[in-house]
Amino acid sequence: MENIYYIGQKSDTTKTISEYDVYSFAGITGDFNYAHINEEYAKNTKFETRIAHGMISAGLISSVLGMKLPGNGTIYLSQSINFKKAVKIGDTIKAEVEIIEIIDKEKFTILKLKTVCYNQFGEIVTEGIAQVIPPSDK
């Protein structure tokens, strides 16, 4: 059964960012920047507290693409990202993707998607454009 995709189709996921998430990401990537893991250092920054790695919000976009829209079997081709606002430990982030273009190739389709992450106040923290090859069936 072929998947049916259309312009304007959306999906999302929501997660509250925990201290565990930040330390786990630091351990996986090796990014132990003090802005993320050292509260005493972070108190003296413009954020006045630790902030999450920007790529954690980008990872939530990946979660939507790989698990919801288009879903399991999606191949991520590209992602542009603009980090608009810091994500702090305890923030609840909603990652949303929306199909904005469907590009039919000879042997496959490429979906172009608007990708946006919002915090609990509805403020955009991350935005960009992704291109993916969707799974051919579910």
Protein backbone atom coordinates (compact mmCIF):
# COMPACT_ATOMS: atom_id res chain seq x y z
CA MET A 1 0.00 0.00 0.00
CA GLU A 2 1.49 3.33 -1.08
CA ASN A 3 1.65 6.20 1.37
CA ILE A 4 -0.29 9.30 0.42
CA TYR A 5 1.42 12.60 1.15
CA TYR A 6 0.06 16.09 0.56
CA ILE A 7 1.15 19.70 0.88
CA GLY A 8 0.24 21.02 4.33
CA GLN A 9 0.34 17.59 6.01
CA LYS A 10 1.78 17.95 9.53
CA SER A 11 2.92 15.92 12.49
CA ASP A 12 4.68 16.68 15.76
CA THR A 13 6.13 15.39 18.98
CA THR A 14 6.61 17.04 22.38
CA LYS A 15 9.26 16.46 25.03
CA THR A 16 10.35 18.18 28.21
CA ILE A 17 14.14 18.54 28.15
CA SER A 18 15.73 17.11 31.28
CA GLU A 19 19.16 17.38 32.83
CA TYR A 20 19.58 13.70 31.95
CA ASP A 21 18.94 14.52 28.26
CA VAL A 22 21.66 17.19 28.29
CA TYR A 23 24.24 14.99 30.05
CA SER A 24 23.39 12.01 27.84
CA PHE A 25 23.79 14.10 24.69
CA ALA A 26 27.12 15.42 25.98
CA GLY A 27 28.29 11.87 26.63
CA ILE A 28 27.18 10.60 23.21
CA THR A 29 28.69 13.48 21.24
CA GLY A 30 31.62 14.52 23.43
CA ASP A 31 30.29 18.11 23.57
CA PHE A 32 30.94 19.04 27.18
CA ASN A 33 30.71 22.79 26.59
CA TYR A 34 30.36 24.50 29.98
CA ALA A 35 27.28 26.36 28.72
CA HIS A 36 25.52 22.97 28.84
CA ILE A 37 27.01 21.15 31.81
CA ASN A 38 28.47 23.65 34.28
CA GLU A 39 25.88 25.70 36.17
CA GLU A 40 28.46 27.94 37.89
CA TYR A 41 29.92 28.89 34.52
CA ALA A 42 26.48 29.25 32.91
CA LYS A 43 25.29 31.66 35.63
CA ASN A 44 27.69 34.21 34.16
CA THR A 45 26.42 33.90 30.59
CA LYS A 46 23.62 35.91 28.99
CA PHE A 47 21.30 32.92 29.63
CA GLU A 48 22.08 32.90 33.39
CA THR A 49 21.72 29.12 33.50
CA ARG A 50 22.70 26.03 31.53
CA ILE A 51 21.16 25.62 28.09
CA ALA A 52 20.52 22.44 26.13
CA HIS A 53 22.58 21.62 23.07
CA GLY A 54 20.84 23.04 20.00
CA MET A 55 21.04 19.67 18.32
CA ILE A 56 18.72 18.18 20.94
CA SER A 57 15.84 20.16 19.44
CA ALA A 58 17.05 19.13 15.98
CA GLY A 59 16.95 15.54 17.21
CA LEU A 60 13.27 15.95 18.02
CA ILE A 61 12.70 16.94 14.39
CA SER A 62 14.48 13.74 13.37
CA SER A 63 12.15 11.81 15.68
CA VAL A 64 9.06 13.17 13.94
CA LEU A 65 10.49 12.46 10.48
CA GLY A 66 11.61 8.94 11.33
CA MET A 67 8.65 7.83 13.41
CA LYS A 68 5.59 9.84 12.32
CA LEU A 69 5.78 11.87 9.11
CA PRO A 70 6.83 10.41 6.77
CA GLY A 71 7.61 7.63 9.28
CA ASN A 72 9.66 4.51 9.76
CA GLY A 73 12.00 3.92 6.82
CA THR A 74 12.44 7.62 5.97
CA ILE A 75 15.86 8.57 4.62
CA TYR A 76 17.05 12.00 5.82
CA LEU A 77 18.77 13.85 2.94
CA SER A 78 19.33 17.35 4.31
CA GLN A 79 18.39 19.80 7.04
CA SER A 80 18.95 23.53 7.33
CA ILE A 81 18.68 24.78 10.91
CA ASN A 82 18.45 28.20 12.51
CA PHE A 83 18.63 28.34 16.30
CA LYS A 84 16.40 31.25 17.33
CA LYS A 85 16.20 30.96 21.11
CA ALA A 86 18.00 28.95 23.78
CA VAL A 87 16.37 25.83 25.19
CA LYS A 88 16.81 25.50 28.94
CA ILE A 89 16.59 22.43 31.10
CA GLY A 90 12.92 22.01 31.97
CA ASP A 91 11.61 23.59 28.76
CA THR A 92 8.93 21.63 26.94
CA ILE A 93 9.68 21.55 23.22
CA LYS A 94 7.20 20.76 20.46
CA ALA A 95 8.85 19.73 17.18
CA GLU A 96 6.58 20.09 14.17
CA VAL A 97 7.11 19.16 10.53
CA GLU A 98 4.97 20.19 7.58
CA ILE A 99 5.20 19.04 3.98
CA ILE A 100 5.73 22.11 1.79
CA GLU A 101 6.77 20.49 -1.48
CA ILE A 102 6.60 17.06 -3.11
CA ILE A 103 9.29 16.43 -5.71
CA ASP A 104 8.65 13.40 -7.92
CA LYS A 105 11.82 11.79 -9.25
CA GLU A 106 11.96 8.94 -11.74
CA LYS A 107 12.48 6.23 -9.11
CA PHE A 108 11.49 7.92 -5.85
CA THR A 109 9.87 10.94 -4.24
CA ILE A 110 11.52 13.66 -2.17
CA LEU A 111 9.51 15.53 0.43
CA LYS A 112 10.55 19.05 1.41
CA LEU A 113 9.38 19.90 4.91
CA LYS A 114 9.26 23.00 7.05
CA THR A 115 10.69 22.09 10.47
CA VAL A 116 9.96 24.17 13.57
CA CYS A 117 10.46 23.68 17.30
CA TYR A 118 8.48 25.73 19.81
CA ASN A 119 8.97 26.10 23.55
CA GLN A 120 6.15 25.98 26.10
CA PHE A 121 5.47 29.69 25.50
CA GLY A 122 4.92 29.17 21.77
CA GLU A 123 8.21 30.84 20.89
CA ILE A 124 10.21 29.43 17.98
CA VAL A 125 13.49 27.98 19.23
CA THR A 126 14.60 26.15 16.08
CA GLU A 127 13.46 26.35 12.46
CA GLY A 128 14.59 25.12 9.10
CA ILE A 129 13.90 23.02 6.03
CA ALA A 130 14.41 19.27 5.65
CA GLN A 131 14.44 17.04 2.62
CA VAL A 132 13.71 13.34 2.95
CA ILE A 133 12.94 10.29 0.90
CA PRO A 134 9.78 8.85 2.43
CA PRO A 135 9.23 5.11 2.84
CA SER A 136 7.39 3.64 -0.12
CA ASP A 137 4.88 1.86 2.12
CA LYS A 138 4.02 1.29 5.77
